[in-house]
Amino acid sequence: MAKMLSVKDLNVSYGAINAIRGISFDVEEGEIVTLIGANGAGKTTTLHAISRLLKPKSGTIEFCGTPISNMDAYKIINLGLTQVPEGRRVFSNLTVQQNLELGAYTRKDGADAIAADYEKVFERLPRLKERRKQLAGTLSGGEQQMLAIGRSIMCTPKMILMDEPSMGLSPLLVQEIFDIIKDLNKSGTTILLVEQNAKKALEIANRAYVLETGLISMSGNASELANNPKVQAAYLGA
């Protein structure tokens, strides 16, 4: 497999606070890789640095061989790297259809291709088709999460950064969201997943990294980490 994302010696600070302290990791094409760790470990900060919502203090980030550490966020989207943010962040005063249209805003491959991708989103997420004219703010939490994922799909990404996709959802909806993530991956989309539900994340991931106070403390095959006593005690409730 080809290396899709490469993060080397990444440092991110909030003023005098060093949130990320020299971490390095890779994501190969076609993988699901998960970052797990406690609240405040630096998981979301890492995603924001990759997508350039935050400016790294130092270090390098490459996507498909292209340096993106100092690239504008919209240009990174055009390369095929998108983010599904924590808390969904849908545009509540716009309809489902309009939210999806915003996902396709930077595309230049023509109306027919975009229309075809709407239908692919609705096929994968049929609940959105039923509510395409409904205001996004009136959707349930699970439906808003599906919309956030659908909006990302409309960017035609090679890779999606997913930040806490199961947060605040019922167990039934959690399973549905994880099934959607697996389906996206099977269709060819590489996933970097940040998730508090470490058990579910490790079940679907190929590899995992454990973040503790801005440092990677462990890494390896996801199933092996799921059976690691330290991981079980800290994150899996064992």
Protein backbone atom coordinates (compact mmCIF):
# COMPACT_ATOMS: atom_id res chain seq x y z
CA MET A 1 0.00 0.00 0.00
CA ALA A 2 1.12 3.57 -0.74
CA LYS A 3 1.61 6.06 2.06
CA MET A 4 -1.26 8.57 1.93
CA LEU A 5 -0.63 10.72 5.01
CA SER A 6 2.71 11.26 6.71
CA VAL A 7 3.07 13.32 9.91
CA LYS A 8 6.61 13.94 11.17
CA ASP A 9 7.69 15.60 14.44
CA LEU A 10 4.44 17.57 14.72
CA ASN A 11 4.29 20.23 17.42
CA VAL A 12 1.19 22.33 18.11
CA SER A 13 0.86 24.93 20.85
CA TYR A 14 -1.88 27.03 22.36
CA GLY A 15 0.14 29.94 23.64
CA ALA A 16 2.55 28.54 26.22
CA ILE A 17 0.77 25.17 26.31
CA ASN A 18 2.36 22.46 24.15
CA ALA A 19 -0.68 20.42 23.11
CA ILE A 20 1.14 18.15 20.63
CA ARG A 21 4.79 17.34 21.32
CA GLY A 22 6.70 15.96 18.39
CA ILE A 23 4.43 13.13 17.24
CA SER A 24 4.99 11.14 14.05
CA PHE A 25 2.65 8.68 12.34
CA ASP A 26 1.56 7.46 8.91
CA VAL A 27 -1.68 6.37 7.27
CA GLU A 28 -1.50 4.02 4.30
CA GLU A 29 -3.90 4.15 1.37
CA GLY A 30 -7.04 2.09 2.05
CA GLU A 31 -6.57 1.89 5.83
CA ILE A 32 -8.71 2.85 8.77
CA VAL A 33 -6.32 4.24 11.38
CA THR A 34 -7.62 5.39 14.74
CA LEU A 35 -6.23 7.79 17.34
CA ILE A 36 -7.45 6.95 20.83
CA GLY A 37 -6.78 8.64 24.14
CA ALA A 38 -8.37 10.48 27.04
CA ASN A 39 -10.01 13.90 26.76
CA GLY A 40 -7.31 16.52 26.35
CA ALA A 41 -4.77 14.08 24.94
CA GLY A 42 -4.48 16.06 21.70
CA LYS A 43 -6.54 13.99 19.27
CA THR A 44 -8.72 16.79 17.87
CA THR A 45 -5.75 19.16 17.86
CA THR A 46 -3.90 16.68 15.65
CA LEU A 47 -6.76 16.54 13.15
CA HIS A 48 -7.06 20.32 13.10
CA ALA A 49 -3.34 20.66 12.41
CA ILE A 50 -3.57 18.20 9.51
CA SER A 51 -6.52 20.03 7.94
CA ARG A 52 -4.89 23.42 8.71
CA LEU A 53 -7.63 24.65 11.00
CA LEU A 54 -4.66 25.12 13.34
CA LYS A 55 -1.17 26.20 12.37
CA PRO A 56 1.52 23.76 13.57
CA LYS A 57 4.41 25.22 15.53
CA SER A 58 6.80 22.88 13.73
CA GLY A 59 6.98 19.56 11.93
CA THR A 60 5.91 18.37 8.49
CA ILE A 61 2.67 16.95 7.10
CA GLU A 62 2.43 15.38 3.65
CA PHE A 63 -0.67 14.16 1.86
CA CYS A 64 -0.14 11.93 -1.18
CA GLY A 65 3.43 13.21 -1.32
CA THR A 66 2.44 16.90 -1.25
CA PRO A 67 3.57 19.05 1.71
CA ILE A 68 0.47 20.60 3.30
CA SER A 69 1.85 21.99 6.60
CA ASN A 70 1.55 25.59 5.34
CA MET A 71 -1.23 25.11 2.79
CA ASP A 72 -4.59 26.90 2.98
CA ALA A 73 -7.40 24.66 4.22
CA TYR A 74 -9.49 24.98 1.05
CA LYS A 75 -6.54 23.88 -1.08
CA ILE A 76 -6.15 20.79 1.11
CA ILE A 77 -9.80 19.92 0.41
CA ASN A 78 -9.07 20.22 -3.31
CA LEU A 79 -6.32 17.61 -2.89
CA GLY A 80 -8.91 15.14 -1.59
CA LEU A 81 -8.55 15.44 2.20
CA THR A 82 -11.68 16.39 4.14
CA GLN A 83 -12.80 16.46 7.76
CA VAL A 84 -16.04 15.50 9.50
CA PRO A 85 -15.78 17.75 12.57
CA GLU A 86 -16.62 17.02 16.17
CA GLY A 87 -20.17 18.08 16.94
CA ARG A 88 -21.37 17.65 13.30
CA ARG A 89 -21.26 21.42 12.53
CA VAL A 90 -24.02 21.28 9.97
CA PHE A 91 -25.58 24.54 8.74
CA SER A 92 -28.79 24.37 10.75
CA ASN A 93 -30.67 27.08 8.83
CA LEU A 94 -30.04 25.36 5.49
CA THR A 95 -31.76 22.27 4.12
CA VAL A 96 -30.15 18.85 3.87
CA GLN A 97 -29.78 19.37 0.12
CA GLN A 98 -28.13 22.76 0.59
CA ASN A 99 -25.68 21.34 3.13
CA LEU A 100 -24.69 18.69 0.60
CA GLU A 101 -24.33 21.35 -2.09
CA LEU A 102 -21.80 23.15 0.11
CA GLY A 103 -19.77 19.94 0.23
CA ALA A 104 -19.48 20.12 -3.56
CA TYR A 105 -18.75 23.86 -3.64
CA THR A 106 -15.09 23.63 -4.71
CA ARG A 107 -15.62 20.91 -7.32
CA LYS A 108 -14.99 21.66 -10.98
CA ASP A 109 -15.95 18.33 -12.56
CA GLY A 110 -19.35 19.43 -13.83
CA ALA A 111 -23.01 19.35 -12.82
CA ASP A 112 -23.61 15.81 -14.08
CA ALA A 113 -20.84 14.32 -11.92
CA ILE A 114 -22.05 16.25 -8.88
CA ALA A 115 -25.67 15.15 -9.47
CA ALA A 116 -24.51 11.54 -9.72
CA ASP A 117 -22.74 11.88 -6.38
CA TYR A 118 -25.89 13.24 -4.72
CA GLU A 119 -27.58 10.02 -5.69
CA LYS A 120 -24.66 7.97 -4.34
CA VAL A 121 -24.94 9.81 -1.01
CA PHE A 122 -28.70 9.21 -0.89
CA GLU A 123 -28.19 5.56 -1.76
CA ARG A 124 -25.65 5.14 1.04
CA LEU A 125 -27.60 7.36 3.49
CA PRO A 126 -31.28 6.93 2.52
CA ARG A 127 -32.53 8.84 5.55
CA LEU A 128 -31.03 12.00 4.04
CA LYS A 129 -33.01 11.52 0.84
CA GLU A 130 -36.22 11.35 2.85
CA ARG A 131 -35.29 14.66 4.51
CA ARG A 132 -33.53 16.45 1.64
CA LYS A 133 -35.82 19.50 1.90
CA GLN A 134 -35.81 19.57 5.70
CA LEU A 135 -33.77 22.14 7.64
CA ALA A 136 -30.64 20.52 9.03
CA GLY A 137 -31.26 22.01 12.47
CA THR A 138 -34.45 19.98 12.82
CA LEU A 139 -32.69 16.63 12.27
CA SER A 140 -31.85 14.25 15.11
CA GLY A 141 -28.25 13.99 16.30
CA GLY A 142 -27.69 10.81 14.33
CA GLU A 143 -29.18 12.30 11.18
CA GLN A 144 -26.99 15.39 11.54
CA GLN A 145 -23.96 13.12 11.82
CA MET A 146 -25.01 11.34 8.64
CA LEU A 147 -25.38 14.73 6.96
CA ALA A 148 -21.89 15.78 8.06
CA ILE A 149 -20.54 12.56 6.56
CA GLY A 150 -22.60 13.02 3.40
CA ARG A 151 -21.33 16.59 3.02
CA SER A 152 -17.77 15.27 3.25
CA ILE A 153 -18.49 12.57 0.66
CA MET A 154 -19.63 15.30 -1.76
CA CYS A 155 -16.05 16.60 -1.76
CA THR A 156 -15.04 13.28 -3.41
CA PRO A 157 -12.30 12.70 -0.83
CA LYS A 158 -9.44 10.26 -1.01
CA MET A 159 -9.24 10.46 2.79
CA ILE A 160 -11.62 11.60 5.54
CA LEU A 161 -10.59 12.80 9.00
CA MET A 162 -13.42 11.84 11.38
CA ASP A 163 -13.62 13.51 14.78
CA GLU A 164 -15.80 11.76 17.38
CA PRO A 165 -18.53 10.58 14.96
CA SER A 166 -20.40 8.61 17.64
CA MET A 167 -20.47 11.36 20.28
CA GLY A 168 -23.86 11.73 21.95
CA LEU A 169 -25.57 9.01 19.93
CA SER A 170 -27.62 6.04 21.12
CA PRO A 171 -25.97 2.59 20.91
CA LEU A 172 -28.13 1.70 17.90
CA LEU A 173 -27.07 4.84 16.02
CA VAL A 174 -23.45 4.35 17.07
CA GLN A 175 -23.50 0.97 15.32
CA GLU A 176 -25.10 2.54 12.25
CA ILE A 177 -22.43 5.24 12.04
CA PHE A 178 -19.63 2.70 12.37
CA ASP A 179 -21.25 0.59 9.64
CA ILE A 180 -21.23 3.67 7.40
CA ILE A 181 -17.53 4.23 8.14
CA LYS A 182 -16.73 0.62 7.25
CA ASP A 183 -18.75 0.91 4.04
CA LEU A 184 -16.92 4.10 3.05
CA ASN A 185 -13.60 2.38 3.63
CA LYS A 186 -14.61 -0.67 1.59
CA SER A 187 -15.52 1.63 -1.28
CA GLY A 188 -11.97 3.00 -1.30
CA THR A 189 -11.90 5.93 1.12
CA THR A 190 -9.04 6.04 3.62
CA ILE A 191 -10.09 7.01 7.15
CA LEU A 192 -8.26 8.65 10.06
CA LEU A 193 -10.63 8.24 13.01
CA VAL A 194 -10.60 10.03 16.36
CA GLU A 195 -13.08 8.34 18.68
CA GLN A 196 -13.80 8.22 22.41
CA ASN A 197 -15.48 4.85 21.96
CA ALA A 198 -12.12 3.08 21.78
CA LYS A 199 -13.68 -0.38 21.72
CA LYS A 200 -15.68 0.30 18.55
CA ALA A 201 -12.79 2.17 16.94
CA LEU A 202 -10.35 -0.69 17.52
CA GLU A 203 -12.90 -3.18 16.15
CA ILE A 204 -12.97 -1.53 12.71
CA ALA A 205 -9.45 -0.07 12.45
CA ASN A 206 -6.41 -1.65 10.83
CA ARG A 207 -3.94 0.18 13.05
CA ALA A 208 -4.08 2.48 16.05
CA TYR A 209 -2.07 5.09 17.91
CA VAL A 210 -2.57 5.94 21.58
CA LEU A 211 -2.15 9.62 22.46
CA GLU A 212 -1.34 10.66 26.02
CA THR A 213 -0.81 14.35 26.85
CA GLY A 214 0.36 15.19 23.36
CA LEU A 215 2.63 12.20 22.89
CA ILE A 216 2.15 8.83 21.17
CA SER A 217 2.61 6.26 23.92
CA MET A 218 1.70 3.12 21.98
CA SER A 219 1.00 2.09 18.40
CA GLY A 220 0.41 -1.06 16.39
CA ASN A 221 -2.16 -3.40 14.96
CA ALA A 222 -5.61 -2.44 16.24
CA SER A 223 -6.56 -5.94 17.37
CA GLU A 224 -3.27 -6.33 19.24
CA LEU A 225 -3.78 -3.02 21.04
CA ALA A 226 -7.34 -4.06 21.91
CA ASN A 227 -5.84 -7.03 23.74
CA ASN A 228 -3.13 -5.00 25.46
CA PRO A 229 -3.78 -4.95 29.24
CA LYS A 230 -2.74 -1.28 29.55
CA VAL A 231 -5.12 -0.24 26.77
CA GLN A 232 -7.90 -2.37 28.21
CA ALA A 233 -7.47 -0.85 31.66
CA ALA A 234 -7.23 2.75 30.45
CA TYR A 235 -9.71 2.86 27.57
CA LEU A 236 -11.80 -0.28 27.31
CA GLY A 237 -13.18 -0.50 30.83
CA ALA A 238 -11.42 -3.79 31.59
